[in-house]
Amino acid sequence: MLPTLTTPETTDGWRSRARCRGIDPVIFHPVNEDDADEAKAICALCPVQEACLEYAIAAREKDGVWGGLTSRERRRVIRRRRRSA
């Protein structure tokens, strides 16, 4: 029997419920983080915002808006968590 391939979709079922699914990813990777308002507005109404953010932190996503936060904002969350641990 061949091993089952795991893809992000099978291991991260939350992605199938994400509001950003099917939206041009360019919106979530603005050149300037100050231009992330459109992506953040989509994330704000997303039912899987928290799961997305936790994924981005765990996967160390360096770029883009994930879970409603820019990379700079995610770094602040990580630092805050380390200090309180």
N, C-alpha and C. Protein backbone atom coordinates (compact mmCIF):
# COMPACT_ATOMS: atom_id res chain seq x y z
N MET A 1 0.85 -1.17 0.00
CA MET A 1 0.00 0.00 0.00
C MET A 1 0.90 1.24 0.00
N LEU A 2 0.54 2.23 -0.81
CA LEU A 2 1.31 3.47 -0.88
C LEU A 2 0.94 4.38 0.28
N PRO A 3 1.91 5.12 0.79
CA PRO A 3 1.60 6.06 1.88
C PRO A 3 0.68 7.17 1.38
N THR A 4 -0.14 7.65 2.26
CA THR A 4 -1.03 8.76 1.94
C THR A 4 -0.25 10.06 1.97
N LEU A 5 -0.40 10.83 0.93
CA LEU A 5 0.25 12.13 0.90
C LEU A 5 -0.57 13.10 1.73
N THR A 6 0.11 13.87 2.55
CA THR A 6 -0.60 14.89 3.31
C THR A 6 -0.33 16.24 2.67
N THR A 7 -1.37 16.97 2.49
CA THR A 7 -1.27 18.31 1.93
C THR A 7 -1.76 19.29 2.98
N PRO A 8 -1.46 20.55 2.82
CA PRO A 8 -1.98 21.52 3.78
C PRO A 8 -3.49 21.42 3.94
N GLU A 9 -4.19 21.10 2.85
CA GLU A 9 -5.65 21.02 2.93
C GLU A 9 -6.10 19.86 3.82
N THR A 10 -5.38 18.73 3.78
CA THR A 10 -5.80 17.60 4.59
C THR A 10 -5.33 17.73 6.02
N THR A 11 -4.23 18.40 6.25
CA THR A 11 -3.74 18.55 7.62
C THR A 11 -4.27 19.80 8.29
N ASP A 12 -4.72 20.76 7.52
CA ASP A 12 -5.24 22.02 8.06
C ASP A 12 -6.63 22.27 7.50
N GLY A 13 -7.60 21.49 7.93
CA GLY A 13 -8.96 21.60 7.42
C GLY A 13 -9.56 22.98 7.54
N TRP A 14 -9.04 23.80 8.42
CA TRP A 14 -9.55 25.15 8.60
C TRP A 14 -9.46 25.96 7.32
N ARG A 15 -8.49 25.65 6.48
CA ARG A 15 -8.29 26.43 5.25
C ARG A 15 -9.51 26.38 4.33
N SER A 16 -10.22 25.28 4.34
CA SER A 16 -11.39 25.17 3.46
C SER A 16 -12.52 26.10 3.89
N ARG A 17 -12.47 26.58 5.13
CA ARG A 17 -13.51 27.48 5.64
C ARG A 17 -13.05 28.94 5.68
N ALA A 18 -11.85 29.21 5.23
CA ALA A 18 -11.29 30.56 5.30
C ALA A 18 -11.96 31.50 4.30
N ARG A 19 -12.24 32.71 4.74
CA ARG A 19 -12.87 33.72 3.87
C ARG A 19 -11.95 34.12 2.71
N CYS A 20 -10.66 33.95 2.88
CA CYS A 20 -9.72 34.35 1.83
C CYS A 20 -9.62 33.31 0.71
N ARG A 21 -10.20 32.16 0.92
CA ARG A 21 -10.12 31.11 -0.09
C ARG A 21 -10.70 31.62 -1.41
N GLY A 22 -9.90 31.53 -2.45
CA GLY A 22 -10.34 31.96 -3.77
C GLY A 22 -10.08 33.43 -4.07
N ILE A 23 -9.62 34.18 -3.08
CA ILE A 23 -9.32 35.60 -3.28
C ILE A 23 -7.85 35.72 -3.71
N ASP A 24 -7.58 36.66 -4.57
CA ASP A 24 -6.23 36.88 -5.07
C ASP A 24 -5.25 37.05 -3.90
N PRO A 25 -4.25 36.17 -3.78
CA PRO A 25 -3.31 36.24 -2.66
C PRO A 25 -2.49 37.53 -2.60
N VAL A 26 -2.44 38.26 -3.70
CA VAL A 26 -1.69 39.52 -3.72
C VAL A 26 -2.24 40.47 -2.65
N ILE A 27 -3.54 40.40 -2.40
CA ILE A 27 -4.17 41.25 -1.38
C ILE A 27 -3.54 41.02 -0.01
N PHE A 28 -3.13 39.78 0.25
CA PHE A 28 -2.61 39.41 1.56
C PHE A 28 -1.09 39.57 1.65
N HIS A 29 -0.48 40.07 0.59
CA HIS A 29 0.97 40.31 0.57
C HIS A 29 1.25 41.70 0.04
N PRO A 30 0.78 42.73 0.76
CA PRO A 30 1.01 44.10 0.29
C PRO A 30 2.50 44.45 0.34
N VAL A 31 2.91 45.30 -0.57
CA VAL A 31 4.31 45.74 -0.61
C VAL A 31 4.67 46.45 0.69
N ASN A 32 3.75 47.27 1.17
CA ASN A 32 3.95 48.01 2.41
C ASN A 32 2.92 47.52 3.43
N GLU A 33 3.36 47.17 4.61
CA GLU A 33 2.44 46.66 5.63
C GLU A 33 1.34 47.65 5.98
N ASP A 34 1.58 48.92 5.74
CA ASP A 34 0.56 49.94 6.01
C ASP A 34 -0.62 49.83 5.03
N ASP A 35 -0.45 49.05 3.97
CA ASP A 35 -1.50 48.86 2.97
C ASP A 35 -2.25 47.54 3.16
N ALA A 36 -2.26 47.03 4.37
CA ALA A 36 -2.86 45.73 4.65
C ALA A 36 -4.33 45.81 5.06
N ASP A 37 -4.93 46.99 4.98
CA ASP A 37 -6.30 47.16 5.46
C ASP A 37 -7.31 46.25 4.77
N GLU A 38 -7.19 46.08 3.47
CA GLU A 38 -8.14 45.23 2.74
C GLU A 38 -8.06 43.78 3.23
N ALA A 39 -6.86 43.28 3.38
CA ALA A 39 -6.67 41.91 3.87
C ALA A 39 -7.20 41.78 5.29
N LYS A 40 -6.90 42.75 6.13
CA LYS A 40 -7.35 42.70 7.52
C LYS A 40 -8.87 42.73 7.62
N ALA A 41 -9.52 43.46 6.72
CA ALA A 41 -10.98 43.51 6.72
C ALA A 41 -11.58 42.14 6.39
N ILE A 42 -10.96 41.44 5.48
CA ILE A 42 -11.41 40.08 5.14
C ILE A 42 -11.19 39.16 6.34
N CYS A 43 -10.03 39.25 6.94
CA CYS A 43 -9.70 38.40 8.10
C CYS A 43 -10.62 38.67 9.29
N ALA A 44 -11.02 39.91 9.46
CA ALA A 44 -11.84 40.29 10.61
C ALA A 44 -13.16 39.53 10.66
N LEU A 45 -13.67 39.13 9.51
CA LEU A 45 -14.94 38.42 9.45
C LEU A 45 -14.77 36.92 9.24
N CYS A 46 -13.54 36.45 9.30
CA CYS A 46 -13.25 35.05 8.99
C CYS A 46 -13.50 34.13 10.19
N PRO A 47 -14.20 33.01 9.99
CA PRO A 47 -14.48 32.10 11.09
C PRO A 47 -13.26 31.32 11.57
N VAL A 48 -12.18 31.33 10.79
CA VAL A 48 -10.99 30.57 11.18
C VAL A 48 -9.79 31.49 11.41
N GLN A 49 -10.06 32.74 11.74
CA GLN A 49 -8.99 33.72 11.92
C GLN A 49 -7.96 33.25 12.95
N GLU A 50 -8.41 32.74 14.07
CA GLU A 50 -7.49 32.31 15.12
C GLU A 50 -6.64 31.13 14.67
N ALA A 51 -7.25 30.16 14.01
CA ALA A 51 -6.50 29.00 13.52
C ALA A 51 -5.46 29.43 12.49
N CYS A 52 -5.82 30.37 11.65
CA CYS A 52 -4.90 30.89 10.64
C CYS A 52 -3.71 31.58 11.30
N LEU A 53 -3.99 32.40 12.29
CA LEU A 53 -2.92 33.10 13.00
C LEU A 53 -1.99 32.11 13.69
N GLU A 54 -2.56 31.12 14.36
CA GLU A 54 -1.73 30.13 15.05
C GLU A 54 -0.89 29.33 14.07
N TYR A 55 -1.46 29.02 12.91
CA TYR A 55 -0.69 28.34 11.87
C TYR A 55 0.50 29.20 11.45
N ALA A 56 0.25 30.47 11.17
CA ALA A 56 1.31 31.37 10.70
C ALA A 56 2.42 31.50 11.72
N ILE A 57 2.06 31.56 12.99
CA ILE A 57 3.07 31.66 14.05
C ILE A 57 3.86 30.36 14.13
N ALA A 58 3.18 29.23 14.13
CA ALA A 58 3.86 27.93 14.22
C ALA A 58 4.74 27.66 13.00
N ALA A 59 4.27 28.06 11.82
CA ALA A 59 5.01 27.82 10.58
C ALA A 59 6.05 28.90 10.32
N ARG A 60 6.08 29.90 11.19
CA ARG A 60 7.02 31.02 11.06
C ARG A 60 6.90 31.72 9.71
N GLU A 61 5.65 31.93 9.32
CA GLU A 61 5.40 32.67 8.08
C GLU A 61 5.97 34.08 8.24
N LYS A 62 6.86 34.44 7.37
CA LYS A 62 7.54 35.73 7.50
C LYS A 62 6.81 36.86 6.77
N ASP A 63 6.07 36.52 5.74
CA ASP A 63 5.45 37.56 4.91
C ASP A 63 3.94 37.44 4.91
N GLY A 64 3.30 38.53 4.59
CA GLY A 64 1.87 38.52 4.38
C GLY A 64 1.03 38.71 5.62
N VAL A 65 -0.26 38.83 5.38
CA VAL A 65 -1.25 38.96 6.45
C VAL A 65 -1.83 37.57 6.69
N TRP A 66 -1.72 37.12 7.92
CA TRP A 66 -2.26 35.82 8.33
C TRP A 66 -3.05 36.04 9.61
N GLY A 67 -4.25 35.54 9.66
CA GLY A 67 -5.05 35.70 10.87
C GLY A 67 -5.29 37.15 11.24
N GLY A 68 -5.26 38.01 10.26
CA GLY A 68 -5.53 39.42 10.50
C GLY A 68 -4.33 40.24 10.96
N LEU A 69 -3.16 39.62 11.02
CA LEU A 69 -1.97 40.35 11.49
C LEU A 69 -0.88 40.35 10.42
N THR A 70 -0.17 41.46 10.34
CA THR A 70 0.99 41.56 9.46
C THR A 70 2.16 40.84 10.11
N SER A 71 3.23 40.68 9.37
CA SER A 71 4.40 40.00 9.94
C SER A 71 4.95 40.76 11.15
N ARG A 72 4.94 42.08 11.09
CA ARG A 72 5.42 42.88 12.22
C ARG A 72 4.54 42.64 13.45
N GLU A 73 3.23 42.60 13.25
CA GLU A 73 2.30 42.37 14.36
C GLU A 73 2.45 40.96 14.92
N ARG A 74 2.69 39.98 14.05
CA ARG A 74 2.90 38.61 14.54
C ARG A 74 4.17 38.51 15.37
N ARG A 75 5.21 39.22 14.96
CA ARG A 75 6.45 39.21 15.75
C ARG A 75 6.20 39.77 17.15
N ARG A 76 5.37 40.80 17.24
CA ARG A 76 5.02 41.36 18.56
C ARG A 76 4.30 40.33 19.41
N VAL A 77 3.37 39.60 18.81
CA VAL A 77 2.64 38.55 19.54
C VAL A 77 3.61 37.50 20.05
N ILE A 78 4.54 37.09 19.21
CA ILE A 78 5.52 36.07 19.60
C ILE A 78 6.36 36.58 20.76
N ARG A 79 6.84 37.82 20.68
CA ARG A 79 7.65 38.38 21.78
C ARG A 79 6.84 38.45 23.07
N ARG A 80 5.60 38.89 22.97
CA ARG A 80 4.73 38.97 24.15
C ARG A 80 4.53 37.59 24.78
N ARG A 81 4.30 36.61 23.95
CA ARG A 81 4.10 35.25 24.46
C ARG A 81 5.36 34.72 25.15
N ARG A 82 6.51 35.01 24.57
CA ARG A 82 7.77 34.54 25.18
C ARG A 82 7.99 35.19 26.55
N ARG A 83 7.68 36.47 26.65
CA ARG A 83 7.86 37.17 27.92
C ARG A 83 6.93 36.63 29.00
N SER A 84 5.72 36.25 28.60
CA SER A 84 4.75 35.78 29.60
C SER A 84 4.89 34.29 29.90
N ALA A 85 5.74 33.61 29.17
CA ALA A 85 5.92 32.15 29.39
C ALA A 85 6.83 31.87 30.56
